[in-house]
Amino acid sequence: MTTSLVTDTDELRRISGLPTELALRQVTPVLTRLVKDSAFMESDIFSLLDEAQGAKDWYVARRYDDEDGAYSLQIFV
């Protein structure tokens, strides 16, 4: 797990306790930061491209779940 992902999952845990509408507004910058982070993209996204070449349908290629069930970050390919 990249350093930025650890930081962002801590932020996801904090956001998960908020009311839904507020949480949705606050999660957007977190997800934007992740997709702009080259280390995250390299280790968690680009590495999945070869694996996904033969896939016939969408599937969860990687999943990060909070220990307490506060959030689940899923990467679909």
N, C-alpha and C. Protein backbone atom coordinates (compact mmCIF):
# COMPACT_ATOMS: atom_id res chain seq x y z
N MET A 1 0.86 -1.17 0.00
CA MET A 1 0.00 0.00 0.00
C MET A 1 0.90 1.23 0.00
N THR A 2 0.64 2.16 -0.91
CA THR A 2 1.47 3.35 -1.01
C THR A 2 1.21 4.27 0.18
N THR A 3 2.19 5.13 0.46
CA THR A 3 2.05 6.07 1.57
C THR A 3 0.83 6.96 1.41
N SER A 4 0.59 7.44 0.19
CA SER A 4 -0.57 8.30 -0.04
C SER A 4 -1.87 7.54 0.19
N LEU A 5 -1.89 6.26 -0.16
CA LEU A 5 -3.10 5.46 0.06
C LEU A 5 -3.36 5.29 1.55
N VAL A 6 -2.32 5.10 2.33
CA VAL A 6 -2.49 4.99 3.79
C VAL A 6 -3.09 6.28 4.34
N THR A 7 -2.53 7.42 3.91
CA THR A 7 -3.06 8.72 4.35
C THR A 7 -4.50 8.88 3.92
N ASP A 8 -4.80 8.53 2.68
CA ASP A 8 -6.15 8.70 2.17
C ASP A 8 -7.13 7.73 2.82
N THR A 9 -6.71 6.54 3.16
CA THR A 9 -7.63 5.63 3.84
C THR A 9 -7.92 6.13 5.25
N ASP A 10 -6.96 6.79 5.89
CA ASP A 10 -7.25 7.42 7.18
C ASP A 10 -8.32 8.50 7.01
N GLU A 11 -8.21 9.26 5.92
CA GLU A 11 -9.19 10.29 5.62
C GLU A 11 -10.55 9.66 5.30
N LEU A 12 -10.56 8.55 4.58
CA LEU A 12 -11.83 7.85 4.29
C LEU A 12 -12.50 7.40 5.58
N ARG A 13 -11.71 6.93 6.53
CA ARG A 13 -12.26 6.49 7.81
C ARG A 13 -12.94 7.66 8.51
N ARG A 14 -12.29 8.83 8.49
CA ARG A 14 -12.87 10.02 9.12
C ARG A 14 -14.16 10.43 8.41
N ILE A 15 -14.13 10.45 7.10
CA ILE A 15 -15.29 10.86 6.30
C ILE A 15 -16.46 9.90 6.49
N SER A 16 -16.18 8.64 6.71
CA SER A 16 -17.25 7.64 6.80
C SER A 16 -18.21 7.90 7.96
N GLY A 17 -17.77 8.66 8.94
CA GLY A 17 -18.64 8.96 10.08
C GLY A 17 -19.55 10.15 9.86
N LEU A 18 -19.42 10.80 8.72
CA LEU A 18 -20.23 11.98 8.43
C LEU A 18 -21.57 11.60 7.80
N PRO A 19 -22.53 12.52 7.86
CA PRO A 19 -23.79 12.28 7.14
C PRO A 19 -23.49 12.10 5.65
N THR A 20 -24.27 11.30 4.96
CA THR A 20 -24.00 10.90 3.58
C THR A 20 -23.72 12.08 2.65
N GLU A 21 -24.57 13.09 2.64
CA GLU A 21 -24.39 14.21 1.72
C GLU A 21 -23.05 14.91 1.95
N LEU A 22 -22.70 15.13 3.20
CA LEU A 22 -21.43 15.78 3.52
C LEU A 22 -20.25 14.86 3.18
N ALA A 23 -20.40 13.58 3.45
CA ALA A 23 -19.34 12.61 3.13
C ALA A 23 -19.07 12.58 1.63
N LEU A 24 -20.11 12.59 0.82
CA LEU A 24 -19.94 12.57 -0.64
C LEU A 24 -19.17 13.80 -1.13
N ARG A 25 -19.45 14.95 -0.54
CA ARG A 25 -18.72 16.17 -0.93
C ARG A 25 -17.26 16.09 -0.51
N GLN A 26 -16.99 15.52 0.65
CA GLN A 26 -15.62 15.49 1.16
C GLN A 26 -14.78 14.37 0.57
N VAL A 27 -15.40 13.33 0.04
CA VAL A 27 -14.63 12.21 -0.51
C VAL A 27 -14.08 12.53 -1.90
N THR A 28 -14.70 13.44 -2.61
CA THR A 28 -14.26 13.77 -3.97
C THR A 28 -12.79 14.21 -4.01
N PRO A 29 -12.34 15.13 -3.16
CA PRO A 29 -10.93 15.50 -3.19
C PRO A 29 -9.99 14.34 -2.85
N VAL A 30 -10.42 13.45 -1.98
CA VAL A 30 -9.59 12.29 -1.61
C VAL A 30 -9.39 11.39 -2.83
N LEU A 31 -10.47 11.08 -3.52
CA LEU A 31 -10.38 10.22 -4.71
C LEU A 31 -9.61 10.91 -5.83
N THR A 32 -9.78 12.20 -5.96
CA THR A 32 -9.04 12.97 -6.97
C THR A 32 -7.55 12.91 -6.68
N ARG A 33 -7.18 13.06 -5.42
CA ARG A 33 -5.76 12.96 -5.01
C ARG A 33 -5.20 11.60 -5.36
N LEU A 34 -5.97 10.55 -5.12
CA LEU A 34 -5.49 9.20 -5.42
C LEU A 34 -5.20 9.01 -6.90
N VAL A 35 -6.11 9.42 -7.76
CA VAL A 35 -5.90 9.19 -9.19
C VAL A 35 -4.81 10.09 -9.77
N LYS A 36 -4.46 11.15 -9.07
CA LYS A 36 -3.36 12.01 -9.52
C LYS A 36 -2.02 11.59 -8.94
N ASP A 37 -2.03 10.64 -8.01
CA ASP A 37 -0.80 10.18 -7.36
C ASP A 37 -0.12 9.12 -8.22
N SER A 38 1.05 9.43 -8.74
CA SER A 38 1.73 8.51 -9.65
C SER A 38 2.11 7.19 -8.99
N ALA A 39 2.47 7.20 -7.71
CA ALA A 39 2.81 5.95 -7.02
C ALA A 39 1.59 5.04 -6.90
N PHE A 40 0.44 5.63 -6.57
CA PHE A 40 -0.79 4.84 -6.48
C PHE A 40 -1.17 4.29 -7.85
N MET A 41 -1.11 5.15 -8.86
CA MET A 41 -1.47 4.71 -10.21
C MET A 41 -0.55 3.58 -10.67
N GLU A 42 0.73 3.71 -10.41
CA GLU A 42 1.70 2.69 -10.84
C GLU A 42 1.48 1.37 -10.11
N SER A 43 1.34 1.43 -8.79
CA SER A 43 1.26 0.19 -8.01
C SER A 43 -0.13 -0.43 -7.97
N ASP A 44 -1.17 0.40 -8.03
CA ASP A 44 -2.52 -0.11 -7.84
C ASP A 44 -3.41 -0.09 -9.07
N ILE A 45 -3.02 0.63 -10.09
CA ILE A 45 -3.87 0.70 -11.29
C ILE A 45 -3.16 0.10 -12.50
N PHE A 46 -2.03 0.68 -12.88
CA PHE A 46 -1.34 0.23 -14.09
C PHE A 46 -0.94 -1.24 -14.01
N SER A 47 -0.62 -1.70 -12.80
CA SER A 47 -0.24 -3.11 -12.64
C SER A 47 -1.40 -4.05 -12.94
N LEU A 48 -2.62 -3.54 -12.91
CA LEU A 48 -3.80 -4.37 -13.16
C LEU A 48 -4.15 -4.48 -14.64
N LEU A 49 -3.57 -3.62 -15.46
CA LEU A 49 -3.96 -3.58 -16.88
C LEU A 49 -3.67 -4.89 -17.60
N ASP A 50 -2.49 -5.47 -17.40
CA ASP A 50 -2.18 -6.75 -18.04
C ASP A 50 -3.14 -7.83 -17.58
N GLU A 51 -3.41 -7.85 -16.29
CA GLU A 51 -4.33 -8.84 -15.72
C GLU A 51 -5.72 -8.72 -16.33
N ALA A 52 -6.14 -7.51 -16.64
CA ALA A 52 -7.50 -7.27 -17.11
C ALA A 52 -7.67 -7.51 -18.62
N GLN A 53 -6.60 -7.71 -19.34
CA GLN A 53 -6.68 -7.84 -20.79
C GLN A 53 -7.69 -8.88 -21.26
N GLY A 54 -7.75 -10.03 -20.63
CA GLY A 54 -8.63 -11.09 -21.09
C GLY A 54 -10.00 -11.11 -20.43
N ALA A 55 -10.26 -10.15 -19.55
CA ALA A 55 -11.53 -10.14 -18.82
C ALA A 55 -12.69 -9.86 -19.77
N LYS A 56 -13.77 -10.56 -19.56
CA LYS A 56 -14.96 -10.37 -20.38
C LYS A 56 -15.97 -9.43 -19.73
N ASP A 57 -15.79 -9.17 -18.44
CA ASP A 57 -16.75 -8.33 -17.72
C ASP A 57 -16.01 -7.60 -16.60
N TRP A 58 -16.67 -6.59 -16.02
CA TRP A 58 -16.11 -5.85 -14.90
C TRP A 58 -15.93 -6.77 -13.70
N TYR A 59 -14.90 -6.52 -12.92
CA TYR A 59 -14.71 -7.23 -11.66
C TYR A 59 -13.88 -6.37 -10.72
N VAL A 60 -13.93 -6.68 -9.44
CA VAL A 60 -13.13 -5.96 -8.44
C VAL A 60 -11.73 -6.55 -8.47
N ALA A 61 -10.79 -5.76 -8.95
CA ALA A 61 -9.41 -6.24 -9.08
C ALA A 61 -8.62 -6.04 -7.79
N ARG A 62 -8.96 -5.03 -7.05
CA ARG A 62 -8.28 -4.77 -5.78
C ARG A 62 -9.28 -4.11 -4.87
N ARG A 63 -9.17 -4.43 -3.58
CA ARG A 63 -10.13 -3.92 -2.62
C ARG A 63 -9.41 -3.61 -1.31
N TYR A 64 -9.71 -2.45 -0.76
CA TYR A 64 -9.18 -2.04 0.53
C TYR A 64 -10.36 -1.81 1.46
N ASP A 65 -10.45 -2.63 2.50
CA ASP A 65 -11.54 -2.51 3.47
C ASP A 65 -11.00 -2.02 4.80
N ASP A 66 -11.74 -1.12 5.42
CA ASP A 66 -11.38 -0.67 6.75
C ASP A 66 -11.57 -1.81 7.73
N GLU A 67 -10.70 -1.90 8.71
CA GLU A 67 -10.80 -2.97 9.72
C GLU A 67 -12.15 -2.97 10.42
N ASP A 68 -12.71 -1.77 10.63
CA ASP A 68 -13.98 -1.64 11.34
C ASP A 68 -15.18 -1.59 10.40
N GLY A 69 -14.95 -1.74 9.09
CA GLY A 69 -16.04 -1.71 8.13
C GLY A 69 -16.54 -0.32 7.80
N ALA A 70 -15.74 0.72 8.12
CA ALA A 70 -16.17 2.09 7.88
C ALA A 70 -16.23 2.42 6.40
N TYR A 71 -15.39 1.80 5.58
CA TYR A 71 -15.38 2.05 4.15
C TYR A 71 -14.83 0.84 3.42
N SER A 72 -15.06 0.81 2.12
CA SER A 72 -14.45 -0.17 1.23
C SER A 72 -14.10 0.56 -0.04
N LEU A 73 -12.80 0.61 -0.36
CA LEU A 73 -12.33 1.22 -1.59
C LEU A 73 -12.08 0.09 -2.57
N GLN A 74 -12.84 0.09 -3.67
CA GLN A 74 -12.75 -1.01 -4.64
C GLN A 74 -12.29 -0.46 -5.98
N ILE A 75 -11.35 -1.16 -6.60
CA ILE A 75 -10.85 -0.79 -7.91
C ILE A 75 -11.40 -1.81 -8.91
N PHE A 76 -12.25 -1.32 -9.80
CA PHE A 76 -12.87 -2.17 -10.81
C PHE A 76 -12.08 -2.10 -12.11
N VAL A 77 -11.97 -3.22 -12.78
CA VAL A 77 -11.42 -3.25 -14.14
C VAL A 77 -12.39 -3.99 -15.02
